[in-house]
């Protein structure tokens, strides 16, 4: 069982863990329902939709590395709000980040909170952000918004935890390469599923 808070717990057998990359999951999640989506919103949406059609989970947990200038490297942040940060149709009179004619709000609010973790707002886009200056979101990734949209559309509870691997700044690429392999162990500890024999 994974305990989300004092009122909610889910059986591991009914949880789908999603990652963009194998390196973010390492060996920690080999014994569990694990989905590697690949990088980017299209891959994330397609792979999660396909996985749900094969076996509908009771809970989707998205785990991955992310950049942030607001949180400390090595920290795990629980994201409950999501923005599609590379959607810009202002030229047609829409708000920045608004997806035209989708019926979705600019800021998508869909996600469980987990006891003991700080709350963040995730900006998802198909680029590796190295000059973060926006204030509407304080965590940067490349998949979470798409996963949240699919989970919400399918009415499946969604938990999004991001391991801060870099500062979304000029050193982001170098920091990410150093930090990403530490994410799986950190997640295993937070979720209480880390086996003493687990290696990365």
C-alpha atoms as a PDB file:
ATOM      1  CA  UNK A   1       0.000   0.000   0.000  1.00  0.00           C
ATOM      2  CA  UNK A   2       1.038   3.562  -0.646  1.00  0.00           C
ATOM      3  CA  UNK A   3      -0.352   6.092   1.798  1.00  0.00           C
ATOM      4  CA  UNK A   4      -1.122   9.451   0.191  1.00  0.00           C
ATOM      5  CA  UNK A   5      -2.520  11.110   3.302  1.00  0.00           C
ATOM      6  CA  UNK A   6      -4.469  10.202   6.443  1.00  0.00           C
ATOM      7  CA  UNK A   7      -7.569   9.402   4.376  1.00  0.00           C
ATOM      8  CA  UNK A   8      -6.226   7.788   1.204  1.00  0.00           C
ATOM      9  CA  UNK A   9      -4.139   4.717   0.477  1.00  0.00           C
ATOM     10  CA  UNK A  10      -3.831   2.625  -2.678  1.00  0.00           C
ATOM     11  CA  UNK A  11      -2.720  -0.938  -3.280  1.00  0.00           C
ATOM     12  CA  UNK A  12       0.523  -1.194  -5.242  1.00  0.00           C
ATOM     13  CA  UNK A  13      -1.153  -3.702  -7.563  1.00  0.00           C
ATOM     14  CA  UNK A  14      -3.571  -1.004  -8.737  1.00  0.00           C
ATOM     15  CA  UNK A  15      -1.093   1.842  -9.230  1.00  0.00           C
ATOM     16  CA  UNK A  16       0.517   2.771 -12.539  1.00  0.00           C
ATOM     17  CA  UNK A  17       3.879   4.523 -12.154  1.00  0.00           C
ATOM     18  CA  UNK A  18       4.819   6.665 -15.158  1.00  0.00           C
ATOM     19  CA  UNK A  19       8.280   7.921 -16.074  1.00  0.00           C
ATOM     20  CA  UNK A  20       9.664   9.600 -19.166  1.00  0.00           C
ATOM     21  CA  UNK A  21      12.962   7.709 -18.971  1.00  0.00           C
ATOM     22  CA  UNK A  22      14.291   4.397 -17.675  1.00  0.00           C
ATOM     23  CA  UNK A  23      17.003   6.305 -15.806  1.00  0.00           C
ATOM     24  CA  UNK A  24      14.358   8.023 -13.660  1.00  0.00           C
ATOM     25  CA  UNK A  25      12.923   4.664 -12.568  1.00  0.00           C
ATOM     26  CA  UNK A  26      16.210   2.710 -12.382  1.00  0.00           C
ATOM     27  CA  UNK A  27      15.783  -0.690 -10.683  1.00  0.00           C
ATOM     28  CA  UNK A  28      13.569   0.612  -7.870  1.00  0.00           C
ATOM     29  CA  UNK A  29      10.268   0.132  -9.720  1.00  0.00           C
ATOM     30  CA  UNK A  30      10.991  -3.101 -11.606  1.00  0.00           C
ATOM     31  CA  UNK A  31       8.572  -5.123  -9.455  1.00  0.00           C
ATOM     32  CA  UNK A  32       5.710  -2.666  -9.950  1.00  0.00           C
ATOM     33  CA  UNK A  33       3.414  -1.508 -12.762  1.00  0.00           C
ATOM     34  CA  UNK A  34       5.792   0.809 -14.585  1.00  0.00           C
ATOM     35  CA  UNK A  35       5.268   2.775 -17.792  1.00  0.00           C
ATOM     36  CA  UNK A  36       8.124   4.483 -19.639  1.00  0.00           C
ATOM     37  CA  UNK A  37       6.467   7.029 -21.914  1.00  0.00           C
ATOM     38  CA  UNK A  38       9.432   8.613 -23.641  1.00  0.00           C
ATOM     39  CA  UNK A  39      10.114  12.333 -23.664  1.00  0.00           C
ATOM     40  CA  UNK A  40       7.551  15.000 -24.511  1.00  0.00           C
ATOM     41  CA  UNK A  41       3.819  15.637 -24.389  1.00  0.00           C
ATOM     42  CA  UNK A  42       2.845  13.563 -27.434  1.00  0.00           C
ATOM     43  CA  UNK A  43       4.678  10.460 -26.242  1.00  0.00           C
ATOM     44  CA  UNK A  44       3.319  10.896 -22.711  1.00  0.00           C
ATOM     45  CA  UNK A  45      -0.314  11.276 -23.797  1.00  0.00           C
ATOM     46  CA  UNK A  46      -0.173   8.406 -26.288  1.00  0.00           C
ATOM     47  CA  UNK A  47       1.555   5.897 -24.029  1.00  0.00           C
ATOM     48  CA  UNK A  48      -0.626   6.639 -21.005  1.00  0.00           C
ATOM     49  CA  UNK A  49      -3.843   6.418 -23.043  1.00  0.00           C
ATOM     50  CA  UNK A  50      -2.714   3.077 -24.475  1.00  0.00           C
ATOM     51  CA  UNK A  51      -1.794   1.764 -21.015  1.00  0.00           C
ATOM     52  CA  UNK A  52      -5.182   2.762 -19.576  1.00  0.00           C
ATOM     53  CA  UNK A  53      -6.995   0.996 -22.411  1.00  0.00           C
ATOM     54  CA  UNK A  54      -5.067  -2.194 -21.612  1.00  0.00           C
ATOM     55  CA  UNK A  55      -5.534  -2.062 -17.832  1.00  0.00           C
ATOM     56  CA  UNK A  56      -7.273   0.762 -16.016  1.00  0.00           C
ATOM     57  CA  UNK A  57      -5.387   1.698 -12.798  1.00  0.00           C
ATOM     58  CA  UNK A  58      -6.951   3.076  -9.620  1.00  0.00           C
ATOM     59  CA  UNK A  59      -4.184   5.679  -9.358  1.00  0.00           C
ATOM     60  CA  UNK A  60      -1.643   7.157 -11.771  1.00  0.00           C
ATOM     61  CA  UNK A  61       1.611   8.373 -10.231  1.00  0.00           C
ATOM     62  CA  UNK A  62       3.893  10.445 -12.424  1.00  0.00           C
ATOM     63  CA  UNK A  63       7.502  10.477 -11.242  1.00  0.00           C
ATOM     64  CA  UNK A  64      10.291  12.309 -12.969  1.00  0.00           C
ATOM     65  CA  UNK A  65      13.032  14.877 -12.875  1.00  0.00           C
ATOM     66  CA  UNK A  66      12.277  18.575 -13.254  1.00  0.00           C
ATOM     67  CA  UNK A  67      13.905  21.971 -13.117  1.00  0.00           C
ATOM     68  CA  UNK A  68      13.097  24.745 -10.662  1.00  0.00           C
ATOM     69  CA  UNK A  69      14.522  28.025  -9.465  1.00  0.00           C
ATOM     70  CA  UNK A  70      12.104  27.986  -6.504  1.00  0.00           C
ATOM     71  CA  UNK A  71      12.927  24.632  -4.922  1.00  0.00           C
ATOM     72  CA  UNK A  72      16.212  23.052  -3.866  1.00  0.00           C
ATOM     73  CA  UNK A  73      17.998  20.448  -5.991  1.00  0.00           C
ATOM     74  CA  UNK A  74      17.285  16.988  -4.597  1.00  0.00           C
ATOM     75  CA  UNK A  75      13.894  18.025  -3.206  1.00  0.00           C
ATOM     76  CA  UNK A  76      10.686  16.203  -4.169  1.00  0.00           C
ATOM     77  CA  UNK A  77       7.766  18.492  -4.970  1.00  0.00           C
ATOM     78  CA  UNK A  78       4.119  17.488  -5.321  1.00  0.00           C
ATOM     79  CA  UNK A  79       2.574  19.245  -8.336  1.00  0.00           C
ATOM     80  CA  UNK A  80      -1.185  19.812  -8.303  1.00  0.00           C
ATOM     81  CA  UNK A  81      -1.491  22.514 -10.980  1.00  0.00           C
ATOM     82  CA  UNK A  82      -0.273  22.333 -14.579  1.00  0.00           C
ATOM     83  CA  UNK A  83       0.362  24.789 -17.417  1.00  0.00           C
ATOM     84  CA  UNK A  84       1.179  24.024 -21.043  1.00  0.00           C
ATOM     85  CA  UNK A  85       4.051  26.500 -21.133  1.00  0.00           C
ATOM     86  CA  UNK A  86       4.745  26.337 -24.873  1.00  0.00           C
ATOM     87  CA  UNK A  87       1.138  26.975 -25.931  1.00  0.00           C
ATOM     88  CA  UNK A  88       0.941  30.537 -27.269  1.00  0.00           C
ATOM     89  CA  UNK A  89      -1.991  31.606 -29.438  1.00  0.00           C
ATOM     90  CA  UNK A  90      -2.087  35.215 -28.253  1.00  0.00           C
ATOM     91  CA  UNK A  91      -2.098  36.322 -31.891  1.00  0.00           C
ATOM     92  CA  UNK A  92      -5.675  35.080 -32.167  1.00  0.00           C
ATOM     93  CA  UNK A  93      -6.780  36.731 -28.933  1.00  0.00           C
ATOM     94  CA  UNK A  94      -6.295  33.839 -26.530  1.00  0.00           C
ATOM     95  CA  UNK A  95      -4.464  34.046 -23.216  1.00  0.00           C
ATOM     96  CA  UNK A  96      -0.865  32.891 -23.007  1.00  0.00           C
ATOM     97  CA  UNK A  97      -0.847  29.117 -22.262  1.00  0.00           C
ATOM     98  CA  UNK A  98      -4.532  28.735 -23.203  1.00  0.00           C
ATOM     99  CA  UNK A  99      -5.349  25.881 -25.598  1.00  0.00           C
ATOM    100  CA  UNK A 100      -7.968  27.263 -28.012  1.00  0.00           C
ATOM    101  CA  UNK A 101     -11.389  25.573 -28.132  1.00  0.00           C
ATOM    102  CA  UNK A 102     -10.298  22.824 -25.739  1.00  0.00           C
ATOM    103  CA  UNK A 103     -12.581  23.679 -22.857  1.00  0.00           C
ATOM    104  CA  UNK A 104      -9.564  23.392 -20.562  1.00  0.00           C
ATOM    105  CA  UNK A 105      -8.542  26.220 -18.236  1.00  0.00           C
ATOM    106  CA  UNK A 106      -5.159  27.874 -18.748  1.00  0.00           C
ATOM    107  CA  UNK A 107      -4.181  26.495 -15.344  1.00  0.00           C
ATOM    108  CA  UNK A 108      -5.236  22.862 -15.018  1.00  0.00           C
ATOM    109  CA  UNK A 109      -5.834  21.912 -11.397  1.00  0.00           C
ATOM    110  CA  UNK A 110      -5.813  18.144 -11.071  1.00  0.00           C
ATOM    111  CA  UNK A 111      -3.682  16.232  -8.631  1.00  0.00           C
ATOM    112  CA  UNK A 112      -3.562  14.700  -5.183  1.00  0.00           C
ATOM    113  CA  UNK A 113      -1.433  16.183  -2.439  1.00  0.00           C
ATOM    114  CA  UNK A 114       0.874  13.968  -0.400  1.00  0.00           C
ATOM    115  CA  UNK A 115       1.559  14.522   3.274  1.00  0.00           C
ATOM    116  CA  UNK A 116       4.942  16.055   4.023  1.00  0.00           C
ATOM    117  CA  UNK A 117       5.739  17.398   0.550  1.00  0.00           C
ATOM    118  CA  UNK A 118       5.803  20.963  -0.720  1.00  0.00           C
ATOM    119  CA  UNK A 119       3.266  21.895  -3.399  1.00  0.00           C
ATOM    120  CA  UNK A 120       4.289  23.150  -6.838  1.00  0.00           C
ATOM    121  CA  UNK A 121       2.841  24.289 -10.155  1.00  0.00           C
ATOM    122  CA  UNK A 122       4.338  22.516 -13.156  1.00  0.00           C
ATOM    123  CA  UNK A 123       4.944  24.161 -16.515  1.00  0.00           C
ATOM    124  CA  UNK A 124       5.168  21.483 -19.223  1.00  0.00           C
ATOM    125  CA  UNK A 125       6.609  22.073 -22.676  1.00  0.00           C
ATOM    126  CA  UNK A 126       8.486  20.380 -25.477  1.00  0.00           C
ATOM    127  CA  UNK A 127      11.734  22.161 -24.802  1.00  0.00           C
ATOM    128  CA  UNK A 128      14.423  21.934 -22.129  1.00  0.00           C
ATOM    129  CA  UNK A 129      14.064  25.247 -20.307  1.00  0.00           C
ATOM    130  CA  UNK A 130      17.315  26.905 -19.278  1.00  0.00           C
ATOM    131  CA  UNK A 131      16.249  30.501 -18.692  1.00  0.00           C
ATOM    132  CA  UNK A 132      13.236  30.207 -16.409  1.00  0.00           C
ATOM    133  CA  UNK A 133      11.767  33.580 -15.501  1.00  0.00           C
ATOM    134  CA  UNK A 134       8.002  32.930 -15.531  1.00  0.00           C
ATOM    135  CA  UNK A 135       6.142  33.192 -12.221  1.00  0.00           C
ATOM    136  CA  UNK A 136       2.883  31.353 -13.047  1.00  0.00           C
ATOM    137  CA  UNK A 137       4.717  28.026 -12.645  1.00  0.00           C
ATOM    138  CA  UNK A 138       7.691  27.117 -10.428  1.00  0.00           C
ATOM    139  CA  UNK A 139       8.547  23.611 -11.685  1.00  0.00           C
ATOM    140  CA  UNK A 140       9.531  22.794 -15.277  1.00  0.00           C
ATOM    141  CA  UNK A 141       9.133  19.468 -17.083  1.00  0.00           C
ATOM    142  CA  UNK A 142       8.175  17.984 -20.464  1.00  0.00           C
ATOM    143  CA  UNK A 143       5.337  15.502 -19.762  1.00  0.00           C
ATOM    144  CA  UNK A 144       3.202  16.195 -16.663  1.00  0.00           C
ATOM    145  CA  UNK A 145       0.568  18.475 -18.215  1.00  0.00           C
ATOM    146  CA  UNK A 146      -0.277  15.870 -20.860  1.00  0.00           C
ATOM    147  CA  UNK A 147      -0.469  13.097 -18.268  1.00  0.00           C
ATOM    148  CA  UNK A 148      -2.701  15.210 -16.030  1.00  0.00           C
ATOM    149  CA  UNK A 149      -5.074  15.945 -18.929  1.00  0.00           C
ATOM    150  CA  UNK A 150      -5.403  12.233 -19.740  1.00  0.00           C
ATOM    151  CA  UNK A 151      -5.919  11.295 -16.077  1.00  0.00           C
ATOM    152  CA  UNK A 152      -8.557  14.000 -15.624  1.00  0.00           C
ATOM    153  CA  UNK A 153     -10.346  13.046 -18.854  1.00  0.00           C
ATOM    154  CA  UNK A 154     -10.423   9.408 -17.734  1.00  0.00           C
ATOM    155  CA  UNK A 155     -11.427  10.392 -14.177  1.00  0.00           C
ATOM    156  CA  UNK A 156      -8.487   8.564 -12.600  1.00  0.00           C
ATOM    157  CA  UNK A 157      -6.797  10.019  -9.490  1.00  0.00           C
ATOM    158  CA  UNK A 158      -3.391  11.517 -10.312  1.00  0.00           C
ATOM    159  CA  UNK A 159      -0.334  12.102  -8.146  1.00  0.00           C
ATOM    160  CA  UNK A 160       2.584  14.019  -9.658  1.00  0.00           C
ATOM    161  CA  UNK A 161       5.916  14.037  -7.824  1.00  0.00           C
ATOM    162  CA  UNK A 162       8.907  15.825  -9.304  1.00  0.00           C
ATOM    163  CA  UNK A 163      12.525  15.391  -8.235  1.00  0.00           C
ATOM    164  CA  UNK A 164      14.287  18.733  -8.663  1.00  0.00           C
ATOM    165  CA  UNK A 165      17.376  17.937 -10.710  1.00  0.00           C
ATOM    166  CA  UNK A 166      18.393  21.406 -11.871  1.00  0.00           C
ATOM    167  CA  UNK A 167      17.668  25.108 -11.547  1.00  0.00           C
ATOM    168  CA  UNK A 168      16.173  25.575 -15.049  1.00  0.00           C
ATOM    169  CA  UNK A 169      19.070  27.944 -15.674  1.00  0.00           C
ATOM    170  CA  UNK A 170      22.320  28.052 -17.640  1.00  0.00           C
ATOM    171  CA  UNK A 171      23.646  25.037 -15.714  1.00  0.00           C
ATOM    172  CA  UNK A 172      20.484  22.965 -16.178  1.00  0.00           C
ATOM    173  CA  UNK A 173      21.831  20.414 -18.653  1.00  0.00           C
ATOM    174  CA  UNK A 174      24.969  19.656 -16.643  1.00  0.00           C
ATOM    175  CA  UNK A 175      23.039  19.489 -13.353  1.00  0.00           C
ATOM    176  CA  UNK A 176      20.394  17.192 -14.843  1.00  0.00           C
ATOM    177  CA  UNK A 177      22.984  14.685 -16.018  1.00  0.00           C
ATOM    178  CA  UNK A 178      24.454  14.529 -12.506  1.00  0.00           C
ATOM    179  CA  UNK A 179      21.177  14.417 -10.555  1.00  0.00           C
ATOM    180  CA  UNK A 180      18.767  12.320 -12.628  1.00  0.00           C
ATOM    181  CA  UNK A 181      20.059   8.944 -11.446  1.00  0.00           C
ATOM    182  CA  UNK A 182      19.312   9.903  -7.830  1.00  0.00           C
ATOM    183  CA  UNK A 183      15.586  10.376  -8.484  1.00  0.00           C
ATOM    184  CA  UNK A 184      14.528   6.716  -8.280  1.00  0.00           C
ATOM    185  CA  UNK A 185      16.071   6.175  -4.853  1.00  0.00           C
ATOM    186  CA  UNK A 186      14.481   9.384  -3.554  1.00  0.00           C
ATOM    187  CA  UNK A 187      11.078   8.286  -4.853  1.00  0.00           C
ATOM    188  CA  UNK A 188      11.428   4.839  -3.361  1.00  0.00           C
ATOM    189  CA  UNK A 189      12.115   6.394   0.027  1.00  0.00           C
ATOM    190  CA  UNK A 190       9.222   8.864  -0.116  1.00  0.00           C
ATOM    191  CA  UNK A 191       6.747   6.212  -1.277  1.00  0.00           C
ATOM    192  CA  UNK A 192       8.005   3.625   1.196  1.00  0.00           C
ATOM    193  CA  UNK A 193       8.786   0.948  -1.382  1.00  0.00           C
ATOM    194  CA  UNK A 194      12.567   1.014  -1.369  1.00  0.00           C
ATOM    195  CA  UNK A 195      14.054  -2.425  -0.800  1.00  0.00           C
ATOM    196  CA  UNK A 196      17.330  -2.541   1.099  1.00  0.00           C
ATOM    197  CA  UNK A 197      18.809  -4.621  -1.742  1.00  0.00           C
ATOM    198  CA  UNK A 198      17.774  -2.139  -4.441  1.00  0.00           C
ATOM    199  CA  UNK A 199      20.578  -0.732  -6.568  1.00  0.00           C
ATOM    200  CA  UNK A 200      20.664   1.893  -9.286  1.00  0.00           C
END
